[in-house]
N, C-alpha and C. Protein backbone atom coordinates (compact mmCIF):
# COMPACT_ATOMS: atom_id res chain seq x y z
N MET A 1 131.61 0.19 22.03
CA MET A 1 131.28 0.83 23.35
C MET A 1 131.84 -0.31 24.40
N ASN A 2 132.43 0.11 25.44
CA ASN A 2 132.81 -0.89 26.44
C ASN A 2 131.75 -0.80 27.60
N TYR A 3 131.34 -2.27 27.90
CA TYR A 3 130.43 -2.36 29.09
C TYR A 3 131.22 -2.95 30.16
N ILE A 4 130.71 -2.31 31.43
CA ILE A 4 131.48 -3.16 32.71
C ILE A 4 130.54 -4.25 33.06
N THR A 5 131.03 -5.62 33.08
CA THR A 5 130.32 -6.60 33.67
C THR A 5 130.70 -6.93 34.96
N TRP A 6 129.70 -6.83 35.91
CA TRP A 6 129.63 -6.92 37.19
C TRP A 6 129.07 -8.24 37.78
N ALA A 7 130.09 -8.99 38.00
CA ALA A 7 129.33 -10.47 38.69
C ALA A 7 130.16 -10.90 39.90
N PRO A 8 129.51 -10.34 40.91
CA PRO A 8 130.17 -10.61 42.34
C PRO A 8 130.17 -11.99 42.68
N ASN A 9 130.96 -12.60 43.40
CA ASN A 9 131.00 -13.84 43.75
C ASN A 9 129.99 -14.03 44.84
N PRO A 10 128.77 -15.05 44.92
CA PRO A 10 127.94 -14.79 45.87
C PRO A 10 128.28 -15.66 47.17
N VAL A 11 129.59 -16.37 46.99
CA VAL A 11 130.06 -17.13 48.16
C VAL A 11 131.13 -16.20 48.74
N ILE A 12 130.87 -16.04 50.06
CA ILE A 12 132.00 -15.34 51.11
C ILE A 12 133.27 -16.30 51.13
N PHE A 13 132.77 -17.43 51.66
CA PHE A 13 133.90 -18.41 51.65
C PHE A 13 133.28 -19.91 51.76
N LYS A 14 134.41 -20.73 51.36
CA LYS A 14 134.00 -22.13 51.38
C LYS A 14 134.91 -23.09 51.97
N LEU A 15 134.21 -23.77 52.97
CA LEU A 15 135.03 -24.81 53.82
C LEU A 15 134.66 -26.12 53.44
N GLY A 16 135.21 -26.71 52.69
CA GLY A 16 134.85 -28.14 52.14
C GLY A 16 133.59 -28.18 51.44
N PHE A 17 132.29 -28.85 51.67
CA PHE A 17 131.28 -28.67 51.23
C PHE A 17 130.29 -27.66 51.74
N LEU A 18 130.88 -26.77 52.64
CA LEU A 18 129.88 -25.94 53.39
C LEU A 18 130.42 -24.37 52.62
N GLU A 19 129.15 -23.71 52.19
CA GLU A 19 129.60 -22.32 51.63
C GLU A 19 128.55 -21.33 52.42
N LEU A 20 129.40 -20.19 52.66
CA LEU A 20 128.75 -19.22 53.47
C LEU A 20 128.42 -18.01 52.22
N ARG A 21 127.12 -17.85 51.82
CA ARG A 21 126.74 -16.84 51.01
C ARG A 21 126.33 -15.51 51.57
N TRP A 22 126.36 -14.54 50.75
CA TRP A 22 126.17 -13.25 51.24
C TRP A 22 124.86 -13.08 51.67
N TYR A 23 123.77 -13.77 50.82
CA TYR A 23 122.38 -13.59 51.24
C TYR A 23 122.08 -14.03 52.57
N SER A 24 122.68 -15.16 52.77
CA SER A 24 122.32 -15.86 54.34
C SER A 24 123.04 -15.10 55.30
N LEU A 25 123.95 -14.34 54.84
CA LEU A 25 124.56 -13.43 55.94
C LEU A 25 123.73 -12.19 56.35
N PHE A 26 123.13 -11.66 55.26
CA PHE A 26 122.24 -10.43 55.41
C PHE A 26 120.93 -10.98 56.16
N PHE A 27 120.62 -12.33 55.64
CA PHE A 27 119.24 -12.86 56.27
C PHE A 27 119.38 -12.82 57.57
N VAL A 28 120.49 -13.34 58.33
CA VAL A 28 120.67 -13.62 59.52
C VAL A 28 120.71 -12.37 60.24
N GLY A 29 121.78 -11.36 59.84
CA GLY A 29 121.76 -10.50 60.23
C GLY A 29 120.68 -9.44 60.45
N SER A 30 119.85 -9.52 59.44
CA SER A 30 118.63 -8.66 59.62
C SER A 30 117.78 -9.00 60.84
N PHE A 31 117.77 -10.55 60.71
CA PHE A 31 116.97 -11.01 62.12
C PHE A 31 117.60 -10.67 63.54
N LEU A 32 118.97 -10.57 63.40
CA LEU A 32 119.58 -10.33 64.74
C LEU A 32 119.62 -8.87 65.02
N ILE A 33 119.50 -7.99 64.28
CA ILE A 33 119.54 -6.51 64.35
C ILE A 33 117.94 -6.11 64.84
N GLY A 34 116.90 -6.79 64.17
CA GLY A 34 115.64 -6.62 64.40
C GLY A 34 115.21 -7.18 65.80
N TYR A 35 115.79 -8.30 66.34
CA TYR A 35 115.81 -8.92 67.48
C TYR A 35 116.35 -7.90 68.49
N PHE A 36 117.42 -7.42 68.35
CA PHE A 36 118.08 -6.32 69.48
C PHE A 36 117.18 -4.92 69.62
N ILE A 37 116.76 -4.77 68.34
CA ILE A 37 115.75 -3.46 68.47
C ILE A 37 114.50 -3.59 69.13
N VAL A 38 113.84 -4.74 68.75
CA VAL A 38 112.62 -5.00 69.65
C VAL A 38 112.97 -5.39 70.90
N LYS A 39 113.99 -6.11 71.29
CA LYS A 39 114.32 -6.21 72.67
C LYS A 39 114.44 -5.00 73.52
N LYS A 40 115.02 -4.16 72.84
CA LYS A 40 115.21 -2.89 73.67
C LYS A 40 113.86 -2.16 73.84
N ILE A 41 112.81 -2.29 72.84
CA ILE A 41 111.51 -1.92 72.99
C ILE A 41 111.01 -2.54 74.04
N PHE A 42 110.92 -3.86 74.13
CA PHE A 42 110.35 -4.75 75.31
C PHE A 42 110.58 -4.25 76.56
N ILE A 43 112.04 -4.01 76.57
CA ILE A 43 112.75 -3.66 77.94
C ILE A 43 111.79 -2.38 78.42
N LYS A 44 111.90 -1.28 77.50
CA LYS A 44 111.49 -0.13 77.80
C LYS A 44 109.98 -0.06 78.28
N GLU A 45 109.34 -1.12 77.44
CA GLU A 45 108.04 -0.99 77.58
C GLU A 45 107.56 -2.17 79.10
N GLY A 46 108.50 -2.72 79.56
CA GLY A 46 108.30 -3.68 80.56
C GLY A 46 107.80 -4.94 80.37
N LYS A 47 107.73 -5.43 79.14
CA LYS A 47 107.15 -6.44 78.78
C LYS A 47 108.20 -7.76 78.92
N ASP A 48 107.75 -9.18 78.95
CA ASP A 48 108.44 -10.12 79.15
C ASP A 48 109.33 -10.56 78.07
N ALA A 49 110.60 -10.91 78.11
CA ALA A 49 111.68 -11.16 77.02
C ALA A 49 111.40 -12.56 76.63
N LYS A 50 110.71 -13.27 77.48
CA LYS A 50 110.61 -14.76 77.10
C LYS A 50 109.53 -14.64 75.81
N ALA A 51 108.72 -13.86 75.73
CA ALA A 51 107.59 -13.71 74.65
C ALA A 51 108.69 -13.51 73.16
N LEU A 52 109.56 -12.42 73.40
CA LEU A 52 110.40 -12.16 72.44
C LEU A 52 111.06 -13.24 71.66
N ASP A 53 111.58 -13.99 72.63
CA ASP A 53 112.37 -15.14 71.94
C ASP A 53 111.36 -16.23 71.38
N ASP A 54 110.35 -16.36 71.84
CA ASP A 54 109.17 -17.14 71.11
C ASP A 54 109.05 -16.52 69.63
N LEU A 55 108.70 -15.31 69.58
CA LEU A 55 108.40 -14.56 68.45
C LEU A 55 109.53 -14.76 67.42
N LEU A 56 110.64 -14.65 68.05
CA LEU A 56 111.93 -14.78 67.03
C LEU A 56 112.04 -16.09 66.23
N ILE A 57 111.51 -17.17 67.23
CA ILE A 57 111.59 -18.43 66.46
C ILE A 57 110.49 -18.63 65.42
N TYR A 58 109.31 -18.04 65.71
CA TYR A 58 108.12 -18.23 64.89
C TYR A 58 108.34 -17.17 63.56
N ALA A 59 109.13 -16.12 63.57
CA ALA A 59 109.18 -15.46 62.77
C ALA A 59 110.43 -15.93 61.72
N LEU A 60 111.36 -16.55 62.45
CA LEU A 60 112.42 -17.29 61.35
C LEU A 60 111.95 -18.44 60.76
N LEU A 61 111.05 -19.09 61.35
CA LEU A 61 110.41 -20.51 60.77
C LEU A 61 109.33 -20.04 59.78
N GLY A 62 108.61 -18.96 59.99
CA GLY A 62 107.67 -18.37 58.89
C GLY A 62 108.33 -17.85 57.66
N ALA A 63 109.62 -17.24 57.97
CA ALA A 63 110.09 -16.60 56.83
C ALA A 63 110.74 -17.46 55.94
N ILE A 64 111.41 -18.61 56.63
CA ILE A 64 112.32 -19.83 55.84
C ILE A 64 111.08 -20.66 55.10
N ILE A 65 110.13 -20.88 55.70
CA ILE A 65 109.11 -21.84 55.12
C ILE A 65 108.30 -20.97 54.24
N GLY A 66 108.07 -19.78 54.58
CA GLY A 66 107.24 -18.87 53.47
C GLY A 66 108.06 -18.50 52.22
N ALA A 67 109.45 -18.43 52.33
CA ALA A 67 110.15 -18.35 51.22
C ALA A 67 110.22 -19.30 50.22
N ARG A 68 110.65 -20.36 50.92
CA ARG A 68 110.57 -21.66 50.26
C ARG A 68 109.27 -21.94 49.50
N ILE A 69 108.17 -21.92 50.06
CA ILE A 69 106.84 -22.08 49.35
C ILE A 69 106.62 -21.08 48.15
N VAL A 70 107.13 -19.75 48.32
CA VAL A 70 106.83 -18.90 47.25
C VAL A 70 107.92 -19.22 46.06
N HIS A 71 109.00 -19.53 46.38
CA HIS A 71 109.86 -20.25 45.52
C HIS A 71 109.34 -21.15 44.84
N CYS A 72 108.92 -22.22 45.50
CA CYS A 72 108.20 -23.44 44.71
C CYS A 72 107.13 -23.13 43.71
N PHE A 73 106.25 -21.97 44.31
CA PHE A 73 104.98 -21.49 43.37
C PHE A 73 105.53 -20.71 42.05
N PHE A 74 106.44 -20.06 42.42
CA PHE A 74 106.67 -18.68 41.27
C PHE A 74 107.98 -19.10 40.49
N TYR A 75 108.79 -20.01 40.94
CA TYR A 75 110.15 -20.13 40.37
C TYR A 75 110.04 -21.88 39.92
């Protein structure tokens, strides 16, 4: 029986020691898409966009630090 082995390369491109990986592209992309969606909601509701910028920074830091902590505890 023939099996298909699917092992995609996790690296999009490599420039010297710098590597851009798929998961990092999707991670940043999801935050940017979420930012623009919530920004439209903030504008529609008449809220201050400065608060959204602060929220994005806190969400990014929380996600990165939280992911690292979970990785250290469980892996």
